[in-house]
Amino acid sequence: MKKMNALAVALLLSAGSVFAQSTWEVDKVHTNVLFNVSHMVVAEITGNFTDFNATITGTKADYSDAQAEMTIKVASISTDNEKRDAHLKSNDFFAVDKFPEITFKSTSFKKTGDNTYKITGDFTMRGVTKTIELDAKFKGEINDPWGNTKSGWKVTGSLDRFDYGVDWNKAIEAGGFVVGKNIDITINAEFAKKK
């Protein structure tokens, strides 16, 4: 009877280790959050956010049940031009004083290939929440020289800023608008497994 009880405990412990939840926290120093938007139809402007946080949690080694969350501080926007950045923070665009954060929370994390995923979730900007889909490429895991387990990801997607009330624009005489509607997003992320 004692042997049976010991065996049951051992099985429960092993099951717990298999299904234990892992949490990955973003390494901000080795991560960038970028966006591109067309300017005057013929060019593109690239910007980034420097203040953000993100986590990935899950129980499966292949991330097929993972959940991802991200929060971006809008005031950290940078396009390498102070005047333009100030305009982007104003009510014409992000209205930072009223809506200081952009958030994303996944509702689905589907494996689509050996190292590719489709991440669906709720994206909130300027107080408006809509469902978006992002493509993710898993770059692998590695143990660094300081005893940390790291994982790398590249996430891409696009959205229509008008859907979120970020709709300032001016028409160009030759046709088109000063700022494009569609925003391309690229996140190059490195995560550290929480010990």
C-alpha atoms as a PDB file:
ATOM      1  CA  MET A   1       0.000   0.000   0.000  1.00  0.00           C
ATOM      2  CA  LYS A   2       2.839   2.371   0.865  1.00  0.00           C
ATOM      3  CA  LYS A   3       4.475   1.587  -2.474  1.00  0.00           C
ATOM      4  CA  MET A   4       1.217   2.407  -4.293  1.00  0.00           C
ATOM      5  CA  ASN A   5       0.936   5.739  -2.450  1.00  0.00           C
ATOM      6  CA  ALA A   6       4.563   6.575  -3.249  1.00  0.00           C
ATOM      7  CA  LEU A   7       3.979   5.725  -6.906  1.00  0.00           C
ATOM      8  CA  ALA A   8       0.874   7.931  -7.029  1.00  0.00           C
ATOM      9  CA  VAL A   9       2.801  10.853  -5.510  1.00  0.00           C
ATOM     10  CA  ALA A  10       5.637  10.354  -7.985  1.00  0.00           C
ATOM     11  CA  LEU A  11       3.207  10.358 -10.918  1.00  0.00           C
ATOM     12  CA  LEU A  12       1.518  13.520  -9.676  1.00  0.00           C
ATOM     13  CA  LEU A  13       4.855  15.273  -9.257  1.00  0.00           C
ATOM     14  CA  SER A  14       6.021  14.274 -12.730  1.00  0.00           C
ATOM     15  CA  ALA A  15       2.725  15.388 -14.244  1.00  0.00           C
ATOM     16  CA  GLY A  16       3.074  18.714 -12.463  1.00  0.00           C
ATOM     17  CA  SER A  17       6.534  19.223 -13.898  1.00  0.00           C
ATOM     18  CA  VAL A  18       5.325  18.412 -17.430  1.00  0.00           C
ATOM     19  CA  PHE A  19       2.356  20.757 -17.250  1.00  0.00           C
ATOM     20  CA  ALA A  20       3.922  23.476 -15.110  1.00  0.00           C
ATOM     21  CA  GLN A  21       3.335  26.948 -16.499  1.00  0.00           C
ATOM     22  CA  SER A  22       6.341  28.813 -17.822  1.00  0.00           C
ATOM     23  CA  THR A  23       6.542  32.598 -17.883  1.00  0.00           C
ATOM     24  CA  TRP A  24       8.781  34.500 -20.272  1.00  0.00           C
ATOM     25  CA  GLU A  25       9.484  38.185 -19.617  1.00  0.00           C
ATOM     26  CA  VAL A  26      10.644  40.556 -22.323  1.00  0.00           C
ATOM     27  CA  ASP A  27      14.285  41.649 -22.291  1.00  0.00           C
ATOM     28  CA  LYS A  28      13.795  45.326 -23.094  1.00  0.00           C
ATOM     29  CA  VAL A  29      17.465  45.950 -23.864  1.00  0.00           C
ATOM     30  CA  HIS A  30      17.367  43.421 -26.694  1.00  0.00           C
ATOM     31  CA  THR A  31      13.875  44.162 -28.012  1.00  0.00           C
ATOM     32  CA  ASN A  32      12.526  46.834 -30.327  1.00  0.00           C
ATOM     33  CA  VAL A  33       8.962  47.820 -31.209  1.00  0.00           C
ATOM     34  CA  LEU A  34       8.883  49.407 -34.656  1.00  0.00           C
ATOM     35  CA  PHE A  35       6.259  50.840 -37.002  1.00  0.00           C
ATOM     36  CA  ASN A  36       6.243  52.098 -40.581  1.00  0.00           C
ATOM     37  CA  VAL A  37       3.744  54.406 -42.263  1.00  0.00           C
ATOM     38  CA  SER A  38       3.719  55.967 -45.714  1.00  0.00           C
ATOM     39  CA  HIS A  39       4.424  59.704 -45.985  1.00  0.00           C
ATOM     40  CA  MET A  40       3.351  61.871 -48.924  1.00  0.00           C
ATOM     41  CA  VAL A  41       2.576  58.611 -50.805  1.00  0.00           C
ATOM     42  CA  VAL A  42       6.154  58.204 -52.075  1.00  0.00           C
ATOM     43  CA  ALA A  43       8.115  57.601 -48.851  1.00  0.00           C
ATOM     44  CA  GLU A  44       7.952  55.835 -45.499  1.00  0.00           C
ATOM     45  CA  ILE A  45       8.574  57.019 -41.964  1.00  0.00           C
ATOM     46  CA  THR A  46       9.841  54.570 -39.349  1.00  0.00           C
ATOM     47  CA  GLY A  47       9.317  55.045 -35.629  1.00  0.00           C
ATOM     48  CA  ASN A  48       9.565  53.079 -32.430  1.00  0.00           C
ATOM     49  CA  PHE A  49       8.395  52.923 -28.836  1.00  0.00           C
ATOM     50  CA  THR A  50      11.059  52.739 -26.147  1.00  0.00           C
ATOM     51  CA  ASP A  51       8.932  52.018 -23.047  1.00  0.00           C
ATOM     52  CA  PHE A  52       7.004  48.749 -23.071  1.00  0.00           C
ATOM     53  CA  ASN A  53       6.484  45.445 -21.279  1.00  0.00           C
ATOM     54  CA  ALA A  54       5.515  41.984 -22.530  1.00  0.00           C
ATOM     55  CA  THR A  55       5.098  38.429 -21.309  1.00  0.00           C
ATOM     56  CA  ILE A  56       4.482  35.001 -22.799  1.00  0.00           C
ATOM     57  CA  THR A  57       2.992  32.258 -20.619  1.00  0.00           C
ATOM     58  CA  GLY A  58       2.162  28.638 -21.392  1.00  0.00           C
ATOM     59  CA  THR A  59       2.594  25.008 -20.435  1.00  0.00           C
ATOM     60  CA  LYS A  60       3.663  23.421 -23.739  1.00  0.00           C
ATOM     61  CA  ALA A  61       7.224  23.352 -25.051  1.00  0.00           C
ATOM     62  CA  ASP A  62       6.039  24.168 -28.587  1.00  0.00           C
ATOM     63  CA  TYR A  63       4.118  27.299 -27.385  1.00  0.00           C
ATOM     64  CA  SER A  64       0.893  25.968 -28.934  1.00  0.00           C
ATOM     65  CA  ASP A  65      -1.092  26.973 -25.822  1.00  0.00           C
ATOM     66  CA  ALA A  66       0.811  30.197 -25.151  1.00  0.00           C
ATOM     67  CA  GLN A  67      -0.722  33.511 -24.150  1.00  0.00           C
ATOM     68  CA  ALA A  68       0.970  36.806 -24.967  1.00  0.00           C
ATOM     69  CA  GLU A  69       0.413  40.244 -23.488  1.00  0.00           C
ATOM     70  CA  MET A  70       2.035  43.583 -24.241  1.00  0.00           C
ATOM     71  CA  THR A  71       1.686  47.127 -22.922  1.00  0.00           C
ATOM     72  CA  ILE A  72       3.265  50.119 -24.681  1.00  0.00           C
ATOM     73  CA  LYS A  73       3.647  53.573 -23.160  1.00  0.00           C
ATOM     74  CA  VAL A  74       2.602  55.874 -25.998  1.00  0.00           C
ATOM     75  CA  ALA A  75       4.591  58.837 -24.656  1.00  0.00           C
ATOM     76  CA  SER A  76       7.775  56.909 -25.489  1.00  0.00           C
ATOM     77  CA  ILE A  77       7.135  57.226 -29.240  1.00  0.00           C
ATOM     78  CA  SER A  78      10.145  58.341 -31.262  1.00  0.00           C
ATOM     79  CA  THR A  79      10.530  59.136 -34.955  1.00  0.00           C
ATOM     80  CA  ASP A  80      13.836  61.015 -34.547  1.00  0.00           C
ATOM     81  CA  ASN A  81      12.052  64.353 -34.857  1.00  0.00           C
ATOM     82  CA  GLU A  82      10.874  66.190 -31.722  1.00  0.00           C
ATOM     83  CA  LYS A  83       8.287  68.329 -33.510  1.00  0.00           C
ATOM     84  CA  ARG A  84       6.731  65.329 -35.241  1.00  0.00           C
ATOM     85  CA  ASP A  85       6.780  63.298 -32.027  1.00  0.00           C
ATOM     86  CA  ALA A  86       4.963  66.097 -30.200  1.00  0.00           C
ATOM     87  CA  HIS A  87       2.313  66.146 -32.940  1.00  0.00           C
ATOM     88  CA  LEU A  88       1.888  62.355 -32.689  1.00  0.00           C
ATOM     89  CA  LYS A  89       1.304  62.660 -28.932  1.00  0.00           C
ATOM     90  CA  SER A  90      -1.361  65.349 -29.432  1.00  0.00           C
ATOM     91  CA  ASN A  91      -5.120  64.923 -29.886  1.00  0.00           C
ATOM     92  CA  ASP A  92      -4.617  64.803 -33.663  1.00  0.00           C
ATOM     93  CA  PHE A  93      -3.138  61.330 -33.260  1.00  0.00           C
ATOM     94  CA  PHE A  94      -2.647  59.350 -30.031  1.00  0.00           C
ATOM     95  CA  ALA A  95      -3.995  61.821 -27.421  1.00  0.00           C
ATOM     96  CA  VAL A  96      -1.427  60.614 -24.915  1.00  0.00           C
ATOM     97  CA  ASP A  97      -2.896  62.541 -21.975  1.00  0.00           C
ATOM     98  CA  LYS A  98      -6.207  60.667 -22.300  1.00  0.00           C
ATOM     99  CA  PHE A  99      -4.926  57.346 -23.622  1.00  0.00           C
ATOM    100  CA  PRO A 100      -1.406  56.741 -22.291  1.00  0.00           C
ATOM    101  CA  GLU A 101      -1.153  53.052 -23.248  1.00  0.00           C
ATOM    102  CA  ILE A 102      -1.498  50.717 -26.207  1.00  0.00           C
ATOM    103  CA  THR A 103      -2.244  47.137 -25.164  1.00  0.00           C
ATOM    104  CA  PHE A 104      -2.456  43.711 -26.754  1.00  0.00           C
ATOM    105  CA  LYS A 105      -3.756  40.495 -25.183  1.00  0.00           C
ATOM    106  CA  SER A 106      -3.812  37.289 -27.192  1.00  0.00           C
ATOM    107  CA  THR A 107      -6.895  35.107 -27.458  1.00  0.00           C
ATOM    108  CA  SER A 108      -5.299  32.487 -29.720  1.00  0.00           C
ATOM    109  CA  PHE A 109      -1.692  31.357 -30.323  1.00  0.00           C
ATOM    110  CA  LYS A 110      -1.800  28.878 -33.219  1.00  0.00           C
ATOM    111  CA  LYS A 111       1.169  26.983 -34.602  1.00  0.00           C
ATOM    112  CA  THR A 112       1.176  27.259 -38.416  1.00  0.00           C
ATOM    113  CA  GLY A 113       4.546  25.684 -39.259  1.00  0.00           C
ATOM    114  CA  ASP A 114       7.786  24.419 -37.748  1.00  0.00           C
ATOM    115  CA  ASN A 115       8.660  27.832 -36.324  1.00  0.00           C
ATOM    116  CA  THR A 116       5.699  30.000 -37.279  1.00  0.00           C
ATOM    117  CA  TYR A 117       2.554  31.060 -35.444  1.00  0.00           C
ATOM    118  CA  LYS A 118      -0.592  33.092 -35.980  1.00  0.00           C
ATOM    119  CA  ILE A 119      -1.361  35.186 -32.912  1.00  0.00           C
ATOM    120  CA  THR A 120      -4.882  36.598 -32.628  1.00  0.00           C
ATOM    121  CA  GLY A 121      -5.856  39.010 -29.891  1.00  0.00           C
ATOM    122  CA  ASP A 122      -7.455  42.179 -28.610  1.00  0.00           C
ATOM    123  CA  PHE A 123      -5.549  45.315 -29.581  1.00  0.00           C
ATOM    124  CA  THR A 124      -6.485  48.546 -27.796  1.00  0.00           C
ATOM    125  CA  MET A 125      -5.382  51.987 -28.972  1.00  0.00           C
ATOM    126  CA  ARG A 126      -6.891  55.367 -28.136  1.00  0.00           C
ATOM    127  CA  GLY A 127      -9.602  53.630 -26.120  1.00  0.00           C
ATOM    128  CA  VAL A 128     -10.778  51.436 -29.029  1.00  0.00           C
ATOM    129  CA  THR A 129     -10.395  47.649 -28.899  1.00  0.00           C
ATOM    130  CA  LYS A 130     -10.434  45.474 -32.011  1.00  0.00           C
ATOM    131  CA  THR A 131      -9.278  41.976 -32.882  1.00  0.00           C
ATOM    132  CA  ILE A 132      -6.099  41.770 -34.955  1.00  0.00           C
ATOM    133  CA  GLU A 133      -3.917  38.949 -36.285  1.00  0.00           C
ATOM    134  CA  LEU A 134      -0.146  38.934 -36.075  1.00  0.00           C
ATOM    135  CA  ASP A 135       2.389  36.626 -37.717  1.00  0.00           C
ATOM    136  CA  ALA A 136       5.152  35.353 -35.460  1.00  0.00           C
ATOM    137  CA  LYS A 137       8.408  33.582 -36.232  1.00  0.00           C
ATOM    138  CA  PHE A 138      10.082  31.694 -33.392  1.00  0.00           C
ATOM    139  CA  LYS A 139      13.852  32.188 -33.631  1.00  0.00           C
ATOM    140  CA  GLY A 140      14.758  29.552 -31.037  1.00  0.00           C
ATOM    141  CA  GLU A 141      15.891  29.155 -27.434  1.00  0.00           C
ATOM    142  CA  ILE A 142      19.378  29.351 -25.947  1.00  0.00           C
ATOM    143  CA  ASN A 143      21.048  29.380 -22.541  1.00  0.00           C
ATOM    144  CA  ASP A 144      23.179  32.490 -22.081  1.00  0.00           C
ATOM    145  CA  PRO A 145      26.516  32.607 -20.178  1.00  0.00           C
ATOM    146  CA  TRP A 146      24.752  33.950 -17.057  1.00  0.00           C
ATOM    147  CA  GLY A 147      22.433  30.992 -16.581  1.00  0.00           C
ATOM    148  CA  ASN A 148      19.347  32.467 -18.239  1.00  0.00           C
ATOM    149  CA  THR A 149      17.187  30.757 -20.844  1.00  0.00           C
ATOM    150  CA  LYS A 150      16.365  33.138 -23.685  1.00  0.00           C
ATOM    151  CA  SER A 151      13.966  32.891 -26.616  1.00  0.00           C
ATOM    152  CA  GLY A 152      13.749  35.053 -29.719  1.00  0.00           C
ATOM    153  CA  TRP A 153      10.707  36.116 -31.734  1.00  0.00           C
ATOM    154  CA  LYS A 154       9.902  38.289 -34.726  1.00  0.00           C
ATOM    155  CA  VAL A 155       6.282  39.478 -34.857  1.00  0.00           C
ATOM    156  CA  THR A 156       4.769  41.359 -37.791  1.00  0.00           C
ATOM    157  CA  GLY A 157       1.360  42.724 -38.669  1.00  0.00           C
ATOM    158  CA  SER A 158      -0.560  45.733 -39.937  1.00  0.00           C
ATOM    159  CA  LEU A 159      -3.610  47.736 -38.929  1.00  0.00           C
ATOM    160  CA  ASP A 160      -5.758  50.592 -40.146  1.00  0.00           C
ATOM    161  CA  ARG A 161      -5.194  53.524 -37.774  1.00  0.00           C
ATOM    162  CA  PHE A 162      -8.553  55.028 -38.769  1.00  0.00           C
ATOM    163  CA  ASP A 163     -10.252  52.080 -37.033  1.00  0.00           C
ATOM    164  CA  TYR A 164      -8.908  53.459 -33.734  1.00  0.00           C
ATOM    165  CA  GLY A 165      -9.732  57.128 -34.220  1.00  0.00           C
ATOM    166  CA  VAL A 166      -6.151  58.022 -35.141  1.00  0.00           C
ATOM    167  CA  ASP A 167      -7.384  59.706 -38.304  1.00  0.00           C
ATOM    168  CA  TRP A 168      -5.656  63.070 -38.746  1.00  0.00           C
ATOM    169  CA  ASN A 169      -4.663  63.696 -42.358  1.00  0.00           C
ATOM    170  CA  LYS A 170      -4.299  66.260 -45.121  1.00  0.00           C
ATOM    171  CA  ALA A 171      -4.907  65.768 -48.816  1.00  0.00           C
ATOM    172  CA  ILE A 172      -2.130  66.280 -51.335  1.00  0.00           C
ATOM    173  CA  GLU A 173      -2.906  68.276 -54.497  1.00  0.00           C
ATOM    174  CA  ALA A 174      -1.382  65.581 -56.692  1.00  0.00           C
ATOM    175  CA  GLY A 175      -3.595  62.947 -55.030  1.00  0.00           C
ATOM    176  CA  GLY A 176      -3.366  60.875 -51.873  1.00  0.00           C
ATOM    177  CA  PHE A 177      -2.730  61.977 -48.313  1.00  0.00           C
ATOM    178  CA  VAL A 178       0.181  63.147 -46.179  1.00  0.00           C
ATOM    179  CA  VAL A 179       0.032  60.152 -43.818  1.00  0.00           C
ATOM    180  CA  GLY A 180      -0.989  56.636 -44.833  1.00  0.00           C
ATOM    181  CA  LYS A 181      -3.889  54.793 -43.188  1.00  0.00           C
ATOM    182  CA  ASN A 182      -2.133  51.466 -42.765  1.00  0.00           C
ATOM    183  CA  ILE A 183       0.527  50.987 -40.114  1.00  0.00           C
ATOM    184  CA  ASP A 184       3.028  48.137 -40.428  1.00  0.00           C
ATOM    185  CA  ILE A 185       4.241  46.732 -37.109  1.00  0.00           C
ATOM    186  CA  THR A 186       7.478  44.828 -36.484  1.00  0.00           C
ATOM    187  CA  ILE A 187       8.543  43.567 -33.059  1.00  0.00           C
ATOM    188  CA  ASN A 188      11.973  41.962 -32.667  1.00  0.00           C
ATOM    189  CA  ALA A 189      11.760  40.472 -29.202  1.00  0.00           C
ATOM    190  CA  GLU A 190      14.011  38.605 -26.830  1.00  0.00           C
ATOM    191  CA  PHE A 191      12.468  36.968 -23.772  1.00  0.00           C
ATOM    192  CA  ALA A 192      14.015  35.540 -20.610  1.00  0.00           C
ATOM    193  CA  LYS A 193      12.422  32.546 -18.895  1.00  0.00           C
ATOM    194  CA  LYS A 194      11.400  33.436 -15.363  1.00  0.00           C
ATOM    195  CA  LYS A 195      13.219  31.286 -12.824  1.00  0.00           C
END
